[in-house]
Amino acid sequence: MTYLDPDHTRPANAGYIALRVAAVIAVLAFGWFALTVGSENFTGRPEIVQEPAIAAP
């Protein structure tokens, strides 16, 4: 039994840890990009645009 056996330790694999860190960085970067698209200076604050004036006929 390996799932609950406290004597069966799983060694930390450097490649596995690096892959996890890279995945977390990728998810955070995508989230930052998704939240800042269309904002000025990539601050996350939306750009406020005035409503266009309707021309008098």
C-alpha atoms as a PDB file:
ATOM      1  CA  MET A   1       0.000   0.000   0.000  1.00  0.00           C
ATOM      2  CA  THR A   2       1.653   3.227  -1.097  1.00  0.00           C
ATOM      3  CA  TYR A   3      -1.090   5.834  -0.813  1.00  0.00           C
ATOM      4  CA  LEU A   4      -1.427   5.962   2.980  1.00  0.00           C
ATOM      5  CA  ASP A   5       1.864   4.347   3.940  1.00  0.00           C
ATOM      6  CA  PRO A   6       3.918   6.963   5.862  1.00  0.00           C
ATOM      7  CA  ASP A   7       7.105   4.990   5.258  1.00  0.00           C
ATOM      8  CA  HIS A   8       6.728   5.289   1.504  1.00  0.00           C
ATOM      9  CA  THR A   9       8.068   8.760   0.742  1.00  0.00           C
ATOM     10  CA  ARG A  10       8.079  10.284  -2.704  1.00  0.00           C
ATOM     11  CA  PRO A  11      11.310  12.095  -3.557  1.00  0.00           C
ATOM     12  CA  ALA A  12      11.043  15.697  -4.725  1.00  0.00           C
ATOM     13  CA  ASN A  13      11.847  15.762  -8.405  1.00  0.00           C
ATOM     14  CA  ALA A  14      13.424  19.025  -9.610  1.00  0.00           C
ATOM     15  CA  GLY A  15      11.810  18.708 -13.032  1.00  0.00           C
ATOM     16  CA  TYR A  16       8.371  18.206 -11.502  1.00  0.00           C
ATOM     17  CA  ILE A  17       8.785  21.251  -9.265  1.00  0.00           C
ATOM     18  CA  ALA A  18      10.071  23.370 -12.171  1.00  0.00           C
ATOM     19  CA  LEU A  19       7.097  22.320 -14.294  1.00  0.00           C
ATOM     20  CA  ARG A  20       4.672  23.270 -11.517  1.00  0.00           C
ATOM     21  CA  VAL A  21       6.352  26.668 -11.052  1.00  0.00           C
ATOM     22  CA  ALA A  22       6.258  27.296 -14.815  1.00  0.00           C
ATOM     23  CA  ALA A  23       2.565  26.360 -14.938  1.00  0.00           C
ATOM     24  CA  VAL A  24       1.714  28.735 -12.087  1.00  0.00           C
ATOM     25  CA  ILE A  25       3.653  31.557 -13.749  1.00  0.00           C
ATOM     26  CA  ALA A  26       1.872  30.896 -17.053  1.00  0.00           C
ATOM     27  CA  VAL A  27      -1.567  30.990 -15.419  1.00  0.00           C
ATOM     28  CA  LEU A  28      -0.752  34.205 -13.551  1.00  0.00           C
ATOM     29  CA  ALA A  29       0.635  35.841 -16.700  1.00  0.00           C
ATOM     30  CA  PHE A  30      -2.458  34.897 -18.701  1.00  0.00           C
ATOM     31  CA  GLY A  31      -4.735  36.235 -15.955  1.00  0.00           C
ATOM     32  CA  TRP A  32      -2.805  39.504 -15.815  1.00  0.00           C
ATOM     33  CA  PHE A  33      -3.007  39.800 -19.593  1.00  0.00           C
ATOM     34  CA  ALA A  34      -6.738  39.055 -19.620  1.00  0.00           C
ATOM     35  CA  LEU A  35      -7.428  41.674 -16.950  1.00  0.00           C
ATOM     36  CA  THR A  36      -5.301  44.418 -18.488  1.00  0.00           C
ATOM     37  CA  VAL A  37      -6.223  44.119 -22.168  1.00  0.00           C
ATOM     38  CA  GLY A  38      -7.629  47.434 -23.314  1.00  0.00           C
ATOM     39  CA  SER A  39      -6.453  49.402 -20.302  1.00  0.00           C
ATOM     40  CA  GLU A  40      -3.991  52.263 -20.397  1.00  0.00           C
ATOM     41  CA  ASN A  41      -0.426  51.485 -19.348  1.00  0.00           C
ATOM     42  CA  PHE A  42      -1.445  47.946 -18.320  1.00  0.00           C
ATOM     43  CA  THR A  43      -2.625  49.157 -14.904  1.00  0.00           C
ATOM     44  CA  GLY A  44      -5.884  47.237 -14.964  1.00  0.00           C
ATOM     45  CA  ARG A  45      -7.969  50.394 -14.831  1.00  0.00           C
ATOM     46  CA  PRO A  46     -10.371  50.611 -17.776  1.00  0.00           C
ATOM     47  CA  GLU A  47     -10.137  53.565 -20.104  1.00  0.00           C
ATOM     48  CA  ILE A  48     -13.150  55.854 -19.707  1.00  0.00           C
ATOM     49  CA  VAL A  49     -14.424  57.041 -23.077  1.00  0.00           C
ATOM     50  CA  GLN A  50     -16.938  59.846 -23.414  1.00  0.00           C
ATOM     51  CA  GLU A  51     -20.206  59.058 -25.133  1.00  0.00           C
ATOM     52  CA  PRO A  52     -20.181  60.426 -28.667  1.00  0.00           C
ATOM     53  CA  ALA A  53     -22.315  63.506 -29.201  1.00  0.00           C
ATOM     54  CA  ILE A  54     -25.231  63.088 -31.565  1.00  0.00           C
ATOM     55  CA  ALA A  55     -24.992  65.573 -34.409  1.00  0.00           C
ATOM     56  CA  ALA A  56     -27.982  67.832 -34.826  1.00  0.00           C
ATOM     57  CA  PRO A  57     -29.850  67.217 -38.090  1.00  0.00           C
END
